[in-house]
């Protein structure tokens, strides 16, 4: 809205003049094309031009007309292939964690880690955005570490092999005693349903205890004697195959820090198929002799 009537009047007059110029130029241009087309058709009716020449002439006129109009809106710049690739660079905290993380620990992002994806570019991230998440993993995140403002449950972070908490782009905190890729437990805590398993995660010792829904546990034994050298190590990791090597002179129950997912994942000991269970609400558990 113009406050000055003089400025408004000048703007309006210039606008009308521009519109008249556009109309006049388009009208003259259209008249030229119509005249040329009419001339071609008139010469055809007098048998001066044959059918082929007339058709080619009209096609030429139409092409010139369309191309000249299109070039007003589409230029050579519109047909340049631009490669839009922005290389992701590690932040200071990413570099610090990479220098410290020799064992392949997972990284937890404080705050909104479940909706952040850059961490996964450099680390094994506990979060990351995807519109379709595994429901059980989302449950764990909502109750134990993923919701904004939620105080993380340390033993849940430990069982997920989380070694570091990113706090912004400049700082991180070490998580004490992450449990690694797999470990043997001393006892099995059997619960009546998944909700009870979830609630037990707030107060259990994830290094010594595995919590299992009674419907998932078929072995019956709930206590195991661990020798001082009982251990299990990950020797190979690929998206569809993980290999471990264990050392335990007694029967043992191993917990693996990988999300339980029966569809497609099979367990083998010495190349023989064995059963495995869901433990600690989302992880994999396996009994071995």
C-alpha atoms as a PDB file:
ATOM      1  CA  UNK A   1       0.000   0.000   0.000  1.00  0.00           C
ATOM      2  CA  UNK A   2       1.379   3.374  -1.077  1.00  0.00           C
ATOM      3  CA  UNK A   3       1.085   6.305   1.306  1.00  0.00           C
ATOM      4  CA  UNK A   4       2.275   8.854  -1.279  1.00  0.00           C
ATOM      5  CA  UNK A   5      -0.308   9.501  -4.038  1.00  0.00           C
ATOM      6  CA  UNK A   6       2.344  10.838  -6.434  1.00  0.00           C
ATOM      7  CA  UNK A   7       4.431   7.659  -6.159  1.00  0.00           C
ATOM      8  CA  UNK A   8       1.299   5.524  -6.534  1.00  0.00           C
ATOM      9  CA  UNK A   9       0.250   7.417  -9.651  1.00  0.00           C
ATOM     10  CA  UNK A  10       3.702   7.047 -11.263  1.00  0.00           C
ATOM     11  CA  UNK A  11       3.825   3.344 -10.443  1.00  0.00           C
ATOM     12  CA  UNK A  12       0.372   2.802 -11.934  1.00  0.00           C
ATOM     13  CA  UNK A  13       1.250   4.675 -15.150  1.00  0.00           C
ATOM     14  CA  UNK A  14       4.471   2.702 -15.579  1.00  0.00           C
ATOM     15  CA  UNK A  15       2.588  -0.547 -14.994  1.00  0.00           C
ATOM     16  CA  UNK A  16       0.061   0.298 -17.695  1.00  0.00           C
ATOM     17  CA  UNK A  17       2.858   1.292 -20.098  1.00  0.00           C
ATOM     18  CA  UNK A  18       4.695  -2.008 -19.506  1.00  0.00           C
ATOM     19  CA  UNK A  19       1.515  -4.015 -20.075  1.00  0.00           C
ATOM     20  CA  UNK A  20       0.830  -2.130 -23.310  1.00  0.00           C
ATOM     21  CA  UNK A  21       4.366  -2.796 -24.560  1.00  0.00           C
ATOM     22  CA  UNK A  22       4.038  -6.508 -23.786  1.00  0.00           C
ATOM     23  CA  UNK A  23       0.676  -6.668 -25.526  1.00  0.00           C
ATOM     24  CA  UNK A  24       1.945  -4.800 -28.586  1.00  0.00           C
ATOM     25  CA  UNK A  25       5.075  -6.930 -28.974  1.00  0.00           C
ATOM     26  CA  UNK A  26       3.100 -10.182 -28.634  1.00  0.00           C
ATOM     27  CA  UNK A  27       0.448  -8.941 -31.025  1.00  0.00           C
ATOM     28  CA  UNK A  28       3.026  -8.001 -33.683  1.00  0.00           C
ATOM     29  CA  UNK A  29       4.813 -11.315 -33.232  1.00  0.00           C
ATOM     30  CA  UNK A  30       1.583 -13.277 -33.543  1.00  0.00           C
ATOM     31  CA  UNK A  31       0.625 -11.276 -36.631  1.00  0.00           C
ATOM     32  CA  UNK A  32       3.942 -12.152 -38.307  1.00  0.00           C
ATOM     33  CA  UNK A  33       3.506 -15.887 -37.694  1.00  0.00           C
ATOM     34  CA  UNK A  34      -0.125 -15.814 -38.831  1.00  0.00           C
ATOM     35  CA  UNK A  35       0.830 -13.929 -41.981  1.00  0.00           C
ATOM     36  CA  UNK A  36       3.598 -16.376 -42.864  1.00  0.00           C
ATOM     37  CA  UNK A  37       1.300 -19.348 -42.295  1.00  0.00           C
ATOM     38  CA  UNK A  38      -1.434 -17.716 -44.377  1.00  0.00           C
ATOM     39  CA  UNK A  39       1.047 -17.019 -47.161  1.00  0.00           C
ATOM     40  CA  UNK A  40       2.173 -20.650 -47.213  1.00  0.00           C
ATOM     41  CA  UNK A  41      -1.413 -21.876 -47.407  1.00  0.00           C
ATOM     42  CA  UNK A  42      -2.280 -19.295 -50.102  1.00  0.00           C
ATOM     43  CA  UNK A  43       0.660 -20.408 -52.251  1.00  0.00           C
ATOM     44  CA  UNK A  44      -0.462 -24.009 -51.757  1.00  0.00           C
ATOM     45  CA  UNK A  45      -3.966 -23.229 -53.033  1.00  0.00           C
ATOM     46  CA  UNK A  46      -2.440 -21.660 -56.159  1.00  0.00           C
ATOM     47  CA  UNK A  47      -0.334 -24.805 -56.713  1.00  0.00           C
ATOM     48  CA  UNK A  48       2.883 -22.856 -56.291  1.00  0.00           C
ATOM     49  CA  UNK A  49       3.955 -24.911 -53.260  1.00  0.00           C
ATOM     50  CA  UNK A  50       3.391 -28.654 -52.922  1.00  0.00           C
ATOM     51  CA  UNK A  51       2.041 -30.424 -49.844  1.00  0.00           C
ATOM     52  CA  UNK A  52       5.433 -31.409 -48.463  1.00  0.00           C
ATOM     53  CA  UNK A  53       6.802 -27.892 -48.562  1.00  0.00           C
ATOM     54  CA  UNK A  54       3.703 -26.457 -46.911  1.00  0.00           C
ATOM     55  CA  UNK A  55       3.726 -29.030 -44.115  1.00  0.00           C
ATOM     56  CA  UNK A  56       7.428 -28.474 -43.447  1.00  0.00           C
ATOM     57  CA  UNK A  57       6.901 -24.707 -43.507  1.00  0.00           C
ATOM     58  CA  UNK A  58       4.113 -24.896 -40.953  1.00  0.00           C
ATOM     59  CA  UNK A  59       6.155 -27.236 -38.739  1.00  0.00           C
ATOM     60  CA  UNK A  60       9.066 -24.799 -38.943  1.00  0.00           C
ATOM     61  CA  UNK A  61       6.871 -21.856 -37.947  1.00  0.00           C
ATOM     62  CA  UNK A  62       5.323 -23.759 -35.055  1.00  0.00           C
ATOM     63  CA  UNK A  63       8.755 -24.887 -33.823  1.00  0.00           C
ATOM     64  CA  UNK A  64      10.177 -21.375 -33.963  1.00  0.00           C
ATOM     65  CA  UNK A  65       7.128 -20.064 -32.133  1.00  0.00           C
ATOM     66  CA  UNK A  66       7.269 -22.674 -29.345  1.00  0.00           C
ATOM     67  CA  UNK A  67      11.055 -22.544 -28.899  1.00  0.00           C
ATOM     68  CA  UNK A  68      11.173 -18.755 -28.746  1.00  0.00           C
ATOM     69  CA  UNK A  69       8.460 -18.712 -26.063  1.00  0.00           C
ATOM     70  CA  UNK A  70      10.068 -21.549 -24.085  1.00  0.00           C
ATOM     71  CA  UNK A  71      13.444 -19.837 -24.037  1.00  0.00           C
ATOM     72  CA  UNK A  72      11.908 -16.991 -22.080  1.00  0.00           C
ATOM     73  CA  UNK A  73      11.330 -19.397 -19.206  1.00  0.00           C
ATOM     74  CA  UNK A  74      13.958 -22.121 -19.724  1.00  0.00           C
ATOM     75  CA  UNK A  75      17.591 -21.234 -20.352  1.00  0.00           C
ATOM     76  CA  UNK A  76      20.782 -23.277 -20.591  1.00  0.00           C
ATOM     77  CA  UNK A  77      21.203 -22.928 -16.850  1.00  0.00           C
ATOM     78  CA  UNK A  78      18.059 -25.004 -16.331  1.00  0.00           C
ATOM     79  CA  UNK A  79      19.673 -27.989 -18.054  1.00  0.00           C
ATOM     80  CA  UNK A  80      22.923 -28.067 -16.125  1.00  0.00           C
ATOM     81  CA  UNK A  81      23.284 -31.184 -13.988  1.00  0.00           C
ATOM     82  CA  UNK A  82      24.249 -30.025 -10.541  1.00  0.00           C
ATOM     83  CA  UNK A  83      25.711 -32.598  -8.197  1.00  0.00           C
ATOM     84  CA  UNK A  84      24.508 -31.570  -4.785  1.00  0.00           C
ATOM     85  CA  UNK A  85      26.710 -33.545  -2.443  1.00  0.00           C
ATOM     86  CA  UNK A  86      27.779 -32.098   0.820  1.00  0.00           C
ATOM     87  CA  UNK A  87      30.467 -34.164   2.458  1.00  0.00           C
ATOM     88  CA  UNK A  88      29.704 -34.865   6.077  1.00  0.00           C
ATOM     89  CA  UNK A  89      32.570 -33.802   8.280  1.00  0.00           C
ATOM     90  CA  UNK A  90      33.172 -35.096  11.791  1.00  0.00           C
ATOM     91  CA  UNK A  91      32.822 -32.618  14.603  1.00  0.00           C
ATOM     92  CA  UNK A  92      35.415 -32.230  17.333  1.00  0.00           C
ATOM     93  CA  UNK A  93      33.537 -34.627  19.595  1.00  0.00           C
ATOM     94  CA  UNK A  94      33.295 -37.198  16.780  1.00  0.00           C
ATOM     95  CA  UNK A  95      37.049 -37.097  16.302  1.00  0.00           C
ATOM     96  CA  UNK A  96      37.641 -37.417  20.051  1.00  0.00           C
ATOM     97  CA  UNK A  97      35.344 -40.435  20.301  1.00  0.00           C
ATOM     98  CA  UNK A  98      36.911 -42.102  17.257  1.00  0.00           C
ATOM     99  CA  UNK A  99      40.323 -41.727  18.858  1.00  0.00           C
ATOM    100  CA  UNK A 100      39.085 -43.323  22.099  1.00  0.00           C
ATOM    101  CA  UNK A 101      36.735 -45.984  20.755  1.00  0.00           C
ATOM    102  CA  UNK A 102      39.023 -48.933  20.016  1.00  0.00           C
ATOM    103  CA  UNK A 103      36.463 -51.595  21.016  1.00  0.00           C
ATOM    104  CA  UNK A 104      33.604 -50.485  18.757  1.00  0.00           C
ATOM    105  CA  UNK A 105      31.339 -49.194  21.516  1.00  0.00           C
ATOM    106  CA  UNK A 106      28.036 -47.619  20.573  1.00  0.00           C
ATOM    107  CA  UNK A 107      27.444 -43.888  20.907  1.00  0.00           C
ATOM    108  CA  UNK A 108      24.396 -42.369  22.570  1.00  0.00           C
ATOM    109  CA  UNK A 109      23.358 -38.786  21.740  1.00  0.00           C
ATOM    110  CA  UNK A 110      21.936 -36.877  24.673  1.00  0.00           C
ATOM    111  CA  UNK A 111      18.712 -34.993  24.064  1.00  0.00           C
ATOM    112  CA  UNK A 112      17.045 -36.019  20.823  1.00  0.00           C
ATOM    113  CA  UNK A 113      19.226 -38.914  19.730  1.00  0.00           C
ATOM    114  CA  UNK A 114      16.369 -40.991  18.294  1.00  0.00           C
ATOM    115  CA  UNK A 115      15.705 -38.311  15.669  1.00  0.00           C
ATOM    116  CA  UNK A 116      19.317 -37.555  14.754  1.00  0.00           C
ATOM    117  CA  UNK A 117      21.239 -39.342  12.009  1.00  0.00           C
ATOM    118  CA  UNK A 118      24.681 -37.732  11.609  1.00  0.00           C
ATOM    119  CA  UNK A 119      26.223 -39.748  14.446  1.00  0.00           C
ATOM    120  CA  UNK A 120      25.683 -42.981  12.509  1.00  0.00           C
ATOM    121  CA  UNK A 121      27.954 -41.635   9.758  1.00  0.00           C
ATOM    122  CA  UNK A 122      30.979 -42.062  12.030  1.00  0.00           C
ATOM    123  CA  UNK A 123      29.909 -44.382  14.871  1.00  0.00           C
ATOM    124  CA  UNK A 124      27.655 -47.269  15.784  1.00  0.00           C
ATOM    125  CA  UNK A 125      24.806 -45.100  16.960  1.00  0.00           C
ATOM    126  CA  UNK A 126      22.080 -46.105  19.405  1.00  0.00           C
ATOM    127  CA  UNK A 127      19.619 -43.778  17.724  1.00  0.00           C
ATOM    128  CA  UNK A 128      18.941 -42.337  14.320  1.00  0.00           C
ATOM    129  CA  UNK A 129      15.749 -41.272  12.607  1.00  0.00           C
ATOM    130  CA  UNK A 130      13.530 -43.654  10.663  1.00  0.00           C
ATOM    131  CA  UNK A 131       9.738 -43.350  10.282  1.00  0.00           C
ATOM    132  CA  UNK A 132       9.343 -47.116  10.895  1.00  0.00           C
ATOM    133  CA  UNK A 133      11.172 -48.241  14.021  1.00  0.00           C
ATOM    134  CA  UNK A 134      11.129 -51.614  15.756  1.00  0.00           C
ATOM    135  CA  UNK A 135       8.423 -51.267  18.370  1.00  0.00           C
ATOM    136  CA  UNK A 136      10.386 -52.923  21.167  1.00  0.00           C
ATOM    137  CA  UNK A 137      13.438 -50.761  20.568  1.00  0.00           C
ATOM    138  CA  UNK A 138      11.229 -47.673  20.577  1.00  0.00           C
ATOM    139  CA  UNK A 139       9.753 -48.866  23.886  1.00  0.00           C
ATOM    140  CA  UNK A 140      13.236 -49.149  25.398  1.00  0.00           C
ATOM    141  CA  UNK A 141      14.158 -45.702  24.100  1.00  0.00           C
ATOM    142  CA  UNK A 142      10.970 -44.114  25.457  1.00  0.00           C
ATOM    143  CA  UNK A 143      11.438 -45.630  28.909  1.00  0.00           C
ATOM    144  CA  UNK A 144      15.189 -45.684  29.379  1.00  0.00           C
ATOM    145  CA  UNK A 145      17.190 -43.270  27.255  1.00  0.00           C
ATOM    146  CA  UNK A 146      15.578 -41.770  24.144  1.00  0.00           C
ATOM    147  CA  UNK A 147      12.920 -39.340  25.339  1.00  0.00           C
ATOM    148  CA  UNK A 148      14.000 -35.667  25.700  1.00  0.00           C
ATOM    149  CA  UNK A 149      14.734 -34.811  29.320  1.00  0.00           C
ATOM    150  CA  UNK A 150      14.770 -38.473  30.401  1.00  0.00           C
ATOM    151  CA  UNK A 151      17.561 -39.560  32.728  1.00  0.00           C
ATOM    152  CA  UNK A 152      19.141 -42.607  31.031  1.00  0.00           C
ATOM    153  CA  UNK A 153      19.141 -45.960  32.822  1.00  0.00           C
ATOM    154  CA  UNK A 154      22.856 -46.744  33.060  1.00  0.00           C
ATOM    155  CA  UNK A 155      22.496 -50.531  33.140  1.00  0.00           C
ATOM    156  CA  UNK A 156      20.398 -50.387  29.960  1.00  0.00           C
ATOM    157  CA  UNK A 157      23.098 -48.320  28.259  1.00  0.00           C
ATOM    158  CA  UNK A 158      25.711 -50.816  29.452  1.00  0.00           C
ATOM    159  CA  UNK A 159      23.800 -53.821  28.052  1.00  0.00           C
ATOM    160  CA  UNK A 160      23.493 -51.969  24.725  1.00  0.00           C
ATOM    161  CA  UNK A 161      27.290 -51.636  24.711  1.00  0.00           C
ATOM    162  CA  UNK A 162      27.103 -47.849  24.806  1.00  0.00           C
ATOM    163  CA  UNK A 163      30.489 -46.407  25.655  1.00  0.00           C
ATOM    164  CA  UNK A 164      29.999 -42.707  25.021  1.00  0.00           C
ATOM    165  CA  UNK A 165      27.365 -39.996  25.421  1.00  0.00           C
ATOM    166  CA  UNK A 166      27.616 -37.106  22.965  1.00  0.00           C
ATOM    167  CA  UNK A 167      26.734 -33.759  24.488  1.00  0.00           C
ATOM    168  CA  UNK A 168      26.572 -31.265  21.646  1.00  0.00           C
ATOM    169  CA  UNK A 169      29.372 -30.951  19.102  1.00  0.00           C
ATOM    170  CA  UNK A 170      32.250 -30.356  21.533  1.00  0.00           C
ATOM    171  CA  UNK A 171      31.849 -32.647  24.513  1.00  0.00           C
ATOM    172  CA  UNK A 172      31.244 -36.292  25.418  1.00  0.00           C
ATOM    173  CA  UNK A 173      31.034 -38.413  28.559  1.00  0.00           C
ATOM    174  CA  UNK A 174      32.290 -41.974  29.010  1.00  0.00           C
ATOM    175  CA  UNK A 175      29.739 -44.557  30.148  1.00  0.00           C
ATOM    176  CA  UNK A 176      31.298 -46.732  32.862  1.00  0.00           C
ATOM    177  CA  UNK A 177      31.913 -50.418  32.111  1.00  0.00           C
ATOM    178  CA  UNK A 178      29.935 -51.114  28.934  1.00  0.00           C
ATOM    179  CA  UNK A 179      29.387 -54.866  28.704  1.00  0.00           C
ATOM    180  CA  UNK A 180      30.734 -55.410  25.214  1.00  0.00           C
ATOM    181  CA  UNK A 181      29.286 -57.365  22.319  1.00  0.00           C
ATOM    182  CA  UNK A 182      28.416 -60.422  24.431  1.00  0.00           C
ATOM    183  CA  UNK A 183      28.871 -61.760  27.969  1.00  0.00           C
ATOM    184  CA  UNK A 184      27.918 -64.648  30.265  1.00  0.00           C
ATOM    185  CA  UNK A 185      25.459 -64.032  33.108  1.00  0.00           C
ATOM    186  CA  UNK A 186      25.179 -65.738  36.489  1.00  0.00           C
ATOM    187  CA  UNK A 187      21.421 -65.949  36.805  1.00  0.00           C
ATOM    188  CA  UNK A 188      18.124 -65.740  34.940  1.00  0.00           C
ATOM    189  CA  UNK A 189      15.297 -63.619  36.317  1.00  0.00           C
ATOM    190  CA  UNK A 190      11.995 -64.940  34.944  1.00  0.00           C
ATOM    191  CA  UNK A 191       9.089 -62.507  34.686  1.00  0.00           C
ATOM    192  CA  UNK A 192       5.404 -63.207  33.896  1.00  0.00           C
ATOM    193  CA  UNK A 193       5.008 -60.779  30.966  1.00  0.00           C
ATOM    194  CA  UNK A 194       6.849 -58.203  28.805  1.00  0.00           C
ATOM    195  CA  UNK A 195       5.729 -55.258  30.976  1.00  0.00           C
ATOM    196  CA  UNK A 196       7.334 -56.867  34.021  1.00  0.00           C
ATOM    197  CA  UNK A 197      10.535 -57.400  32.044  1.00  0.00           C
ATOM    198  CA  UNK A 198      10.552 -53.724  31.064  1.00  0.00           C
ATOM    199  CA  UNK A 199      10.039 -52.596  34.666  1.00  0.00           C
ATOM    200  CA  UNK A 200      12.835 -54.832  35.953  1.00  0.00           C
ATOM    201  CA  UNK A 201      15.306 -53.090  33.647  1.00  0.00           C
ATOM    202  CA  UNK A 202      15.245 -50.054  35.953  1.00  0.00           C
ATOM    203  CA  UNK A 203      16.941 -51.866  38.821  1.00  0.00           C
ATOM    204  CA  UNK A 204      18.732 -55.014  37.608  1.00  0.00           C
ATOM    205  CA  UNK A 205      22.452 -55.715  37.262  1.00  0.00           C
ATOM    206  CA  UNK A 206      22.803 -56.206  33.514  1.00  0.00           C
ATOM    207  CA  UNK A 207      26.286 -57.710  33.893  1.00  0.00           C
ATOM    208  CA  UNK A 208      25.169 -60.603  36.086  1.00  0.00           C
ATOM    209  CA  UNK A 209      21.468 -61.051  35.336  1.00  0.00           C
ATOM    210  CA  UNK A 210      19.327 -61.680  32.273  1.00  0.00           C
ATOM    211  CA  UNK A 211      15.592 -60.934  32.505  1.00  0.00           C
ATOM    212  CA  UNK A 212      13.329 -63.186  30.454  1.00  0.00           C
ATOM    213  CA  UNK A 213       9.606 -63.495  29.884  1.00  0.00           C
ATOM    214  CA  UNK A 214       8.533 -66.947  31.105  1.00  0.00           C
ATOM    215  CA  UNK A 215       6.933 -67.682  27.729  1.00  0.00           C
ATOM    216  CA  UNK A 216      10.334 -67.293  26.025  1.00  0.00           C
ATOM    217  CA  UNK A 217      12.468 -69.366  28.412  1.00  0.00           C
ATOM    218  CA  UNK A 218      12.297 -73.132  27.926  1.00  0.00           C
ATOM    219  CA  UNK A 219      15.505 -74.275  29.650  1.00  0.00           C
ATOM    220  CA  UNK A 220      14.469 -74.085  33.294  1.00  0.00           C
ATOM    221  CA  UNK A 221      17.914 -73.509  34.776  1.00  0.00           C
ATOM    222  CA  UNK A 222      18.203 -70.090  36.406  1.00  0.00           C
ATOM    223  CA  UNK A 223      21.687 -70.076  37.986  1.00  0.00           C
ATOM    224  CA  UNK A 224      25.067 -70.570  36.341  1.00  0.00           C
ATOM    225  CA  UNK A 225      28.557 -70.930  37.807  1.00  0.00           C
ATOM    226  CA  UNK A 226      31.015 -68.738  35.978  1.00  0.00           C
ATOM    227  CA  UNK A 227      34.725 -69.437  35.995  1.00  0.00           C
ATOM    228  CA  UNK A 228      37.190 -66.571  36.102  1.00  0.00           C
ATOM    229  CA  UNK A 229      38.092 -67.089  32.436  1.00  0.00           C
ATOM    230  CA  UNK A 230      34.514 -67.303  31.124  1.00  0.00           C
ATOM    231  CA  UNK A 231      34.225 -64.926  28.205  1.00  0.00           C
ATOM    232  CA  UNK A 232      32.742 -64.545  24.761  1.00  0.00           C
ATOM    233  CA  UNK A 233      34.200 -62.296  22.059  1.00  0.00           C
ATOM    234  CA  UNK A 234      32.935 -61.079  18.712  1.00  0.00           C
ATOM    235  CA  UNK A 235      35.339 -62.075  15.929  1.00  0.00           C
ATOM    236  CA  UNK A 236      33.393 -60.952  12.855  1.00  0.00           C
ATOM    237  CA  UNK A 237      30.542 -58.545  12.163  1.00  0.00           C
ATOM    238  CA  UNK A 238      28.620 -58.038   8.924  1.00  0.00           C
ATOM    239  CA  UNK A 239      25.005 -56.918   8.416  1.00  0.00           C
ATOM    240  CA  UNK A 240      23.876 -60.531   7.927  1.00  0.00           C
ATOM    241  CA  UNK A 241      26.433 -62.593   9.847  1.00  0.00           C
ATOM    242  CA  UNK A 242      28.031 -62.224  13.274  1.00  0.00           C
ATOM    243  CA  UNK A 243      30.619 -64.662  14.645  1.00  0.00           C
ATOM    244  CA  UNK A 244      31.616 -65.112  18.278  1.00  0.00           C
ATOM    245  CA  UNK A 245      34.233 -67.223  20.052  1.00  0.00           C
ATOM    246  CA  UNK A 246      33.533 -68.327  23.610  1.00  0.00           C
ATOM    247  CA  UNK A 247      35.574 -69.786  26.442  1.00  0.00           C
ATOM    248  CA  UNK A 248      33.704 -71.284  29.386  1.00  0.00           C
ATOM    249  CA  UNK A 249      34.441 -74.571  31.121  1.00  0.00           C
ATOM    250  CA  UNK A 250      30.906 -74.746  32.588  1.00  0.00           C
ATOM    251  CA  UNK A 251      27.423 -74.500  31.162  1.00  0.00           C
ATOM    252  CA  UNK A 252      26.656 -70.853  30.533  1.00  0.00           C
ATOM    253  CA  UNK A 253      24.010 -68.437  29.364  1.00  0.00           C
ATOM    254  CA  UNK A 254      25.240 -65.736  27.016  1.00  0.00           C
ATOM    255  CA  UNK A 255      23.607 -62.388  26.304  1.00  0.00           C
ATOM    256  CA  UNK A 256      24.349 -60.729  22.969  1.00  0.00           C
ATOM    257  CA  UNK A 257      24.114 -56.968  22.570  1.00  0.00           C
ATOM    258  CA  UNK A 258      22.082 -57.212  19.365  1.00  0.00           C
ATOM    259  CA  UNK A 259      18.359 -56.660  18.884  1.00  0.00           C
ATOM    260  CA  UNK A 260      16.378 -59.897  18.951  1.00  0.00           C
ATOM    261  CA  UNK A 261      14.743 -60.535  15.587  1.00  0.00           C
ATOM    262  CA  UNK A 262      13.704 -64.099  14.800  1.00  0.00           C
ATOM    263  CA  UNK A 263      12.732 -63.534  11.175  1.00  0.00           C
ATOM    264  CA  UNK A 264      15.886 -64.384   9.273  1.00  0.00           C
ATOM    265  CA  UNK A 265      18.389 -64.628  12.129  1.00  0.00           C
ATOM    266  CA  UNK A 266      19.477 -68.160  13.062  1.00  0.00           C
ATOM    267  CA  UNK A 267      21.980 -69.240  15.728  1.00  0.00           C
ATOM    268  CA  UNK A 268      24.621 -71.964  15.358  1.00  0.00           C
ATOM    269  CA  UNK A 269      27.188 -73.513  17.697  1.00  0.00           C
ATOM    270  CA  UNK A 270      29.936 -75.393  15.865  1.00  0.00           C
ATOM    271  CA  UNK A 271      27.791 -75.158  12.701  1.00  0.00           C
ATOM    272  CA  UNK A 272      24.814 -76.848  14.403  1.00  0.00           C
ATOM    273  CA  UNK A 273      21.553 -74.876  14.687  1.00  0.00           C
ATOM    274  CA  UNK A 274      20.442 -73.990  18.223  1.00  0.00           C
ATOM    275  CA  UNK A 275      17.579 -72.055  19.749  1.00  0.00           C
ATOM    276  CA  UNK A 276      17.954 -68.585  21.201  1.00  0.00           C
ATOM    277  CA  UNK A 277      15.606 -66.375  23.205  1.00  0.00           C
ATOM    278  CA  UNK A 278      14.663 -62.766  23.721  1.00  0.00           C
ATOM    279  CA  UNK A 279      16.221 -61.402  26.910  1.00  0.00           C
ATOM    280  CA  UNK A 280      16.205 -57.996  28.599  1.00  0.00           C
ATOM    281  CA  UNK A 281      13.163 -57.098  26.479  1.00  0.00           C
ATOM    282  CA  UNK A 282      15.106 -56.638  23.217  1.00  0.00           C
ATOM    283  CA  UNK A 283      18.421 -58.540  23.236  1.00  0.00           C
ATOM    284  CA  UNK A 284      19.403 -62.058  22.215  1.00  0.00           C
ATOM    285  CA  UNK A 285      20.187 -64.773  24.702  1.00  0.00           C
ATOM    286  CA  UNK A 286      21.576 -68.264  24.171  1.00  0.00           C
ATOM    287  CA  UNK A 287      22.333 -71.224  26.404  1.00  0.00           C
ATOM    288  CA  UNK A 288      25.462 -73.244  25.675  1.00  0.00           C
ATOM    289  CA  UNK A 289      27.030 -76.292  27.234  1.00  0.00           C
END
